[in-house]
PDB file of N, CA and C in Angstrom:
ATOM      1  N   MET A   1     -33.057  10.196  10.303  1.00  0.00           N
ATOM      2  CA  MET A   1     -33.859   8.877  10.811  1.00  0.00           C
ATOM      3  C   MET A   1     -34.892   9.207  11.452  1.00  0.00           C
ATOM      4  N   THR A   2     -35.645   8.336  10.807  1.00  0.00           N
ATOM      5  CA  THR A   2     -37.126   8.573  11.591  1.00  0.00           C
ATOM      6  C   THR A   2     -37.509   7.655  12.698  1.00  0.00           C
ATOM      7  N   SER A   3     -38.728   7.790  13.200  1.00  0.00           N
ATOM      8  CA  SER A   3     -38.910   6.840  14.656  1.00  0.00           C
ATOM      9  C   SER A   3     -39.295   5.413  13.982  1.00  0.00           C
ATOM     10  N   HIS A   4     -39.847   5.064  12.768  1.00  0.00           N
ATOM     11  CA  HIS A   4     -39.907   4.170  12.329  1.00  0.00           C
ATOM     12  C   HIS A   4     -38.712   2.948  12.066  1.00  0.00           C
ATOM     13  N   MET A   5     -37.585   4.039  11.356  1.00  0.00           N
ATOM     14  CA  MET A   5     -36.421   3.253  11.140  1.00  0.00           C
ATOM     15  C   MET A   5     -35.765   2.731  12.755  1.00  0.00           C
ATOM     16  N   LEU A   6     -35.988   3.599  13.920  1.00  0.00           N
ATOM     17  CA  LEU A   6     -35.293   3.251  14.946  1.00  0.00           C
ATOM     18  C   LEU A   6     -36.241   1.886  15.618  1.00  0.00           C
ATOM     19  N   ARG A   7     -37.487   2.071  15.223  1.00  0.00           N
ATOM     20  CA  ARG A   7     -38.437   0.679  15.847  1.00  0.00           C
ATOM     21  C   ARG A   7     -38.133  -0.337  15.177  1.00  0.00           C
ATOM     22  N   HIS A   8     -37.716  -0.322  13.610  1.00  0.00           N
ATOM     23  CA  HIS A   8     -37.294  -1.472  12.835  1.00  0.00           C
ATOM     24  C   HIS A   8     -36.052  -2.160  13.400  1.00  0.00           C
ATOM     25  N   THR A   9     -35.071  -0.909  13.621  1.00  0.00           N
ATOM     26  CA  THR A   9     -33.612  -1.371  14.126  1.00  0.00           C
ATOM     27  C   THR A   9     -33.879  -2.354  15.191  1.00  0.00           C
ATOM     28  N   ALA A  10     -34.724  -1.640  16.272  1.00  0.00           N
ATOM     29  CA  ALA A  10     -34.678  -2.571  17.471  1.00  0.00           C
ATOM     30  C   ALA A  10     -35.168  -3.566  17.510  1.00  0.00           C
ATOM     31  N   ALA A  11     -36.233  -3.815  16.910  1.00  0.00           N
ATOM     32  CA  ALA A  11     -36.620  -5.085  16.478  1.00  0.00           C
ATOM     33  C   ALA A  11     -36.011  -6.156  16.244  1.00  0.00           C
ATOM     34  N   SER A  12     -35.199  -5.689  14.947  1.00  0.00           N
ATOM     35  CA  SER A  12     -34.301  -6.474  14.284  1.00  0.00           C
ATOM     36  C   SER A  12     -33.011  -6.801  15.162  1.00  0.00           C
ATOM     37  N   MET A  13     -32.352  -6.195  15.956  1.00  0.00           N
ATOM     38  CA  MET A  13     -31.417  -6.221  16.794  1.00  0.00           C
ATOM     39  C   MET A  13     -31.894  -7.302  18.156  1.00  0.00           C
ATOM     40  N   TRP A  14     -33.044  -7.108  18.507  1.00  0.00           N
ATOM     41  CA  TRP A  14     -33.894  -8.241  19.428  1.00  0.00           C
ATOM     42  C   TRP A  14     -33.735  -9.469  18.968  1.00  0.00           C
ATOM     43  N   LEU A  15     -34.409  -9.680  17.840  1.00  0.00           N
ATOM     44  CA  LEU A  15     -34.412 -11.121  17.446  1.00  0.00           C
ATOM     45  C   LEU A  15     -32.983 -11.514  17.036  1.00  0.00           C
ATOM     46  N   ASP A  16     -32.214 -10.621  16.428  1.00  0.00           N
ATOM     47  CA  ASP A  16     -30.920 -11.089  16.289  1.00  0.00           C
ATOM     48  C   ASP A  16     -30.321 -11.370  17.529  1.00  0.00           C
ATOM     49  N   GLU A  17     -30.568 -10.788  18.875  1.00  0.00           N
ATOM     50  CA  GLU A  17     -29.912 -11.372  20.023  1.00  0.00           C
ATOM     51  C   GLU A  17     -30.526 -12.720  20.573  1.00  0.00           C
ATOM     52  N   GLY A  18     -31.656 -13.273  20.066  1.00  0.00           N
ATOM     53  CA  GLY A  18     -32.308 -14.209  20.425  1.00  0.00           C
ATOM     54  C   GLY A  18     -33.750 -13.844  21.378  1.00  0.00           C
ATOM     55  N   VAL A  19     -34.041 -12.719  21.491  1.00  0.00           N
ATOM     56  CA  VAL A  19     -35.132 -12.498  21.935  1.00  0.00           C
ATOM     57  C   VAL A  19     -36.479 -13.211  21.386  1.00  0.00           C
ATOM     58  N   ASP A  20     -37.272 -13.701  22.570  1.00  0.00           N
ATOM     59  CA  ASP A  20     -38.438 -14.549  21.439  1.00  0.00           C
ATOM     60  C   ASP A  20     -39.349 -13.423  20.753  1.00  0.00           C
ATOM     61  N   PRO A  21     -39.885 -14.312  19.501  1.00  0.00           N
ATOM     62  CA  PRO A  21     -40.660 -13.353  18.902  1.00  0.00           C
ATOM     63  C   PRO A  21     -42.086 -12.723  19.470  1.00  0.00           C
ATOM     64  N   GLY A  22     -42.664 -13.553  20.547  1.00  0.00           N
ATOM     65  CA  GLY A  22     -43.574 -12.942  21.192  1.00  0.00           C
ATOM     66  C   GLY A  22     -43.300 -11.778  22.080  1.00  0.00           C
ATOM     67  N   SER A  23     -42.185 -11.686  22.781  1.00  0.00           N
ATOM     68  CA  SER A  23     -41.711 -10.519  23.478  1.00  0.00           C
ATOM     69  C   SER A  23     -41.441  -9.296  22.543  1.00  0.00           C
ATOM     70  N   VAL A  24     -40.946  -9.438  21.306  1.00  0.00           N
ATOM     71  CA  VAL A  24     -40.845  -8.453  20.134  1.00  0.00           C
ATOM     72  C   VAL A  24     -42.116  -7.967  19.977  1.00  0.00           C
ATOM     73  N   ARG A  25     -43.043  -8.975  19.734  1.00  0.00           N
ATOM     74  CA  ARG A  25     -44.394  -8.338  19.381  1.00  0.00           C
ATOM     75  C   ARG A  25     -44.993  -7.724  20.353  1.00  0.00           C
ATOM     76  N   ARG A  26     -44.944  -8.007  21.753  1.00  0.00           N
ATOM     77  CA  ARG A  26     -45.514  -6.986  22.836  1.00  0.00           C
ATOM     78  C   ARG A  26     -45.024  -5.747  22.838  1.00  0.00           C
ATOM     79  N   ALA A  27     -43.468  -5.689  22.617  1.00  0.00           N
ATOM     80  CA  ALA A  27     -42.889  -4.481  22.678  1.00  0.00           C
ATOM     81  C   ALA A  27     -43.264  -3.445  21.463  1.00  0.00           C
ATOM     82  N   LEU A  28     -43.479  -4.122  20.448  1.00  0.00           N
ATOM     83  CA  LEU A  28     -43.679  -3.469  19.202  1.00  0.00           C
ATOM     84  C   LEU A  28     -45.386  -3.008  19.101  1.00  0.00           C
ATOM     85  N   GLY A  29     -46.035  -3.712  19.940  1.00  0.00           N
ATOM     86  CA  GLY A  29     -47.410  -3.476  19.969  1.00  0.00           C
ATOM     87  C   GLY A  29     -48.479  -3.925  19.107  1.00  0.00           C
ATOM     88  N   HIS A  30     -47.773  -5.075  18.394  1.00  0.00           N
ATOM     89  CA  HIS A  30     -48.492  -5.818  17.586  1.00  0.00           C
ATOM     90  C   HIS A  30     -49.335  -6.656  18.196  1.00  0.00           C
ATOM     91  N   ARG A  31     -50.784  -6.751  17.411  1.00  0.00           N
ATOM     92  CA  ARG A  31     -51.766  -7.355  18.033  1.00  0.00           C
ATOM     93  C   ARG A  31     -51.712  -8.926  17.894  1.00  0.00           C
ATOM     94  N   ASP A  32     -51.158  -9.402  16.392  1.00  0.00           N
ATOM     95  CA  ASP A  32     -50.872 -10.516  16.105  1.00  0.00           C
ATOM     96  C   ASP A  32     -49.449 -10.696  15.656  1.00  0.00           C
ATOM     97  N   ILE A  33     -48.981 -12.167  16.159  1.00  0.00           N
ATOM     98  CA  ILE A  33     -47.907 -12.399  15.938  1.00  0.00           C
ATOM     99  C   ILE A  33     -47.289 -12.482  14.433  1.00  0.00           C
ATOM    100  N   LYS A  34     -48.532 -12.748  13.710  1.00  0.00           N
ATOM    101  CA  LYS A  34     -47.971 -12.957  12.068  1.00  0.00           C
ATOM    102  C   LYS A  34     -47.906 -11.471  11.726  1.00  0.00           C
ATOM    103  N   ILE A  35     -48.121 -10.517  12.290  1.00  0.00           N
ATOM    104  CA  ILE A  35     -47.455  -9.008  11.702  1.00  0.00           C
ATOM    105  C   ILE A  35     -45.913  -9.221  12.175  1.00  0.00           C
ATOM    106  N   THR A  36     -45.541  -9.371  13.320  1.00  0.00           N
ATOM    107  CA  THR A  36     -44.190  -9.295  13.803  1.00  0.00           C
ATOM    108  C   THR A  36     -43.488 -10.352  12.857  1.00  0.00           C
ATOM    109  N   LEU A  37     -43.622 -11.759  12.848  1.00  0.00           N
ATOM    110  CA  LEU A  37     -43.309 -12.636  12.114  1.00  0.00           C
ATOM    111  C   LEU A  37     -43.153 -12.322  10.412  1.00  0.00           C
ATOM    112  N   GLY A  38     -44.177 -11.617  10.012  1.00  0.00           N
ATOM    113  CA  GLY A  38     -44.247 -11.189   8.648  1.00  0.00           C
ATOM    114  C   GLY A  38     -43.181 -10.144   8.375  1.00  0.00           C
ATOM    115  N   LEU A  39     -42.844  -9.373   9.197  1.00  0.00           N
ATOM    116  CA  LEU A  39     -41.921  -8.155   8.918  1.00  0.00           C
ATOM    117  C   LEU A  39     -40.281  -8.737   9.489  1.00  0.00           C
ATOM    118  N   TYR A  40     -40.397  -9.524  10.538  1.00  0.00           N
ATOM    119  CA  TYR A  40     -38.980  -9.848  10.773  1.00  0.00           C
ATOM    120  C   TYR A  40     -38.569 -10.950  10.906  1.00  0.00           C
ATOM    121  N   ALA A  41     -39.130 -12.248  10.565  1.00  0.00           N
ATOM    122  CA  ALA A  41     -38.811 -13.575  10.692  1.00  0.00           C
ATOM    123  C   ALA A  41     -37.475 -14.070   9.749  1.00  0.00           C
ATOM    124  N   HIS A  42     -37.119 -13.035   8.833  1.00  0.00           N
ATOM    125  CA  HIS A  42     -35.940 -13.022   8.254  1.00  0.00           C
ATOM    126  C   HIS A  42     -34.754 -12.988   9.143  1.00  0.00           C
ATOM    127  N   MET A  43     -34.849 -12.122  10.347  1.00  0.00           N
ATOM    128  CA  MET A  43     -33.825 -11.853  11.415  1.00  0.00           C
ATOM    129  C   MET A  43     -33.680 -12.870  12.335  1.00  0.00           C
ATOM    130  N   ILE A  44     -34.571 -14.062  12.348  1.00  0.00           N
ATOM    131  CA  ILE A  44     -34.344 -15.135  13.559  1.00  0.00           C
ATOM    132  C   ILE A  44     -33.117 -15.881  12.784  1.00  0.00           C
ATOM    133  N   LYS A  45     -31.985 -15.840  13.377  1.00  0.00           N
ATOM    134  CA  LYS A  45     -30.893 -16.592  13.233  1.00  0.00           C
ATOM    135  C   LYS A  45     -30.794 -18.200  13.252  1.00  0.00           C
ATOM    136  N   GLY A  46     -30.784 -18.747  12.378  1.00  0.00           N
ATOM    137  CA  GLY A  46     -30.569 -20.124  12.740  1.00  0.00           C
ATOM    138  C   GLY A  46     -31.523 -21.060  13.367  1.00  0.00           C
ATOM    139  N   SER A  47     -32.896 -20.111  12.916  1.00  0.00           N
ATOM    140  CA  SER A  47     -34.086 -20.997  13.685  1.00  0.00           C
ATOM    141  C   SER A  47     -34.148 -22.341  12.954  1.00  0.00           C
ATOM    142  N   ALA A  48     -34.019 -22.710  11.970  1.00  0.00           N
ATOM    143  CA  ALA A  48     -33.927 -24.109  11.378  1.00  0.00           C
ATOM    144  C   ALA A  48     -32.897 -24.999  11.879  1.00  0.00           C
ATOM    145  N   VAL A  49     -31.824 -24.368  12.397  1.00  0.00           N
ATOM    146  CA  VAL A  49     -30.989 -25.202  13.204  1.00  0.00           C
ATOM    147  C   VAL A  49     -31.319 -25.594  14.446  1.00  0.00           C
ATOM    148  N   ARG A  50     -32.043 -24.704  15.249  1.00  0.00           N
ATOM    149  CA  ARG A  50     -32.302 -24.490  16.526  1.00  0.00           C
ATOM    150  C   ARG A  50     -33.552 -25.433  16.589  1.00  0.00           C
ATOM    151  N   LEU A  51     -34.290 -25.675  15.801  1.00  0.00           N
ATOM    152  CA  LEU A  51     -35.741 -26.492  15.503  1.00  0.00           C
ATOM    153  C   LEU A  51     -35.005 -27.828  15.481  1.00  0.00           C
ATOM    154  N   ALA A  52     -34.147 -28.116  14.477  1.00  0.00           N
ATOM    155  CA  ALA A  52     -33.812 -29.291  14.378  1.00  0.00           C
ATOM    156  C   ALA A  52     -32.864 -29.994  15.712  1.00  0.00           C
ATOM    157  N   GLU A  53     -32.167 -29.153  16.237  1.00  0.00           N
ATOM    158  CA  GLU A  53     -31.457 -29.299  17.596  1.00  0.00           C
ATOM    159  C   GLU A  53     -32.572 -30.047  18.715  1.00  0.00           C
ATOM    160  N   SER A  54     -33.576 -29.390  18.573  1.00  0.00           N
ATOM    161  CA  SER A  54     -34.368 -29.480  19.744  1.00  0.00           C
ATOM    162  C   SER A  54     -35.199 -30.339  19.560  1.00  0.00           C
ATOM    163  N   VAL A  55     -35.624 -31.020  18.216  1.00  0.00           N
ATOM    164  CA  VAL A  55     -36.147 -32.166  17.896  1.00  0.00           C
ATOM    165  C   VAL A  55     -35.133 -33.549  18.420  1.00  0.00           C
ATOM    166  N   CYS A  56     -33.823 -33.145  17.968  1.00  0.00           N
ATOM    167  CA  CYS A  56     -32.986 -34.391  18.210  1.00  0.00           C
ATOM    168  C   CYS A  56     -32.595 -34.442  19.681  1.00  0.00           C
ATOM    169  N   ARG A  57     -32.709 -33.529  20.425  1.00  0.00           N
ATOM    170  CA  ARG A  57     -32.690 -33.502  22.047  1.00  0.00           C
ATOM    171  C   ARG A  57     -33.558 -34.518  22.479  1.00  0.00           C
ATOM    172  N   ARG A  58     -34.789 -34.180  22.127  1.00  0.00           N
ATOM    173  CA  ARG A  58     -35.875 -34.915  22.687  1.00  0.00           C
ATOM    174  C   ARG A  58     -36.110 -36.291  22.100  1.00  0.00           C
ATOM    175  N   MET A  59     -35.346 -36.467  21.228  1.00  0.00           N
ATOM    176  CA  MET A  59     -35.425 -37.744  20.558  1.00  0.00           C
ATOM    177  C   MET A  59     -34.352 -38.725  20.990  1.00  0.00           C
ATOM    178  N   VAL A  60     -33.243 -38.147  20.797  1.00  0.00           N
ATOM    179  CA  VAL A  60     -32.028 -38.946  21.075  1.00  0.00           C
ATOM    180  C   VAL A  60     -31.135 -38.548  22.465  1.00  0.00           C
ATOM    181  N   GLY A  61     -31.555 -37.209  22.936  1.00  0.00           N
ATOM    182  CA  GLY A  61     -30.494 -36.888  24.000  1.00  0.00           C
ATOM    183  C   GLY A  61     -30.052 -35.430  23.709  1.00  0.00           C
ATOM    184  N   PRO A  62     -28.985 -35.122  24.376  1.00  0.00           N
ATOM    185  CA  PRO A  62     -28.444 -33.936  24.059  1.00  0.00           C
ATOM    186  C   PRO A  62     -27.271 -34.167  23.185  1.00  0.00           C
ATOM    187  N   ILE A  63     -27.225 -33.100  22.323  1.00  0.00           N
ATOM    188  CA  ILE A  63     -26.308 -32.927  21.220  1.00  0.00           C
ATOM    189  C   ILE A  63     -25.073 -32.418  21.535  1.00  0.00           C
ATOM    190  N   ALA A  64     -23.759 -33.253  21.355  1.00  0.00           N
ATOM    191  CA  ALA A  64     -22.471 -32.864  21.596  1.00  0.00           C
ATOM    192  C   ALA A  64     -22.168 -31.452  20.973  1.00  0.00           C
ATOM    193  N   PRO A  65     -21.396 -30.797  22.001  1.00  0.00           N
ATOM    194  CA  PRO A  65     -20.789 -29.293  21.301  1.00  0.00           C
ATOM    195  C   PRO A  65     -20.223 -29.305  19.926  1.00  0.00           C
ATOM    196  N   ARG A  66     -20.362 -28.166  19.207  1.00  0.00           N
ATOM    197  CA  ARG A  66     -19.661 -28.102  18.019  1.00  0.00           C
ATOM    198  C   ARG A  66     -18.259 -27.995  18.236  1.00  0.00           C
TER     199      ARG A  66
END
């Protein structure tokens, strides 16, 4: 295992756990969030669902639990 593999694993796990991409960017030392998102955006689980829920909450109020 290389240090690069450990770094990639850590970033993937952070995003899988819901850590915000900006914090991951800083931890990895990327200058631009585009680099972080370009490499790891696929790891952000349910981001489309969270986006839709956020819009709904702001428009119609809280969403009932599933």
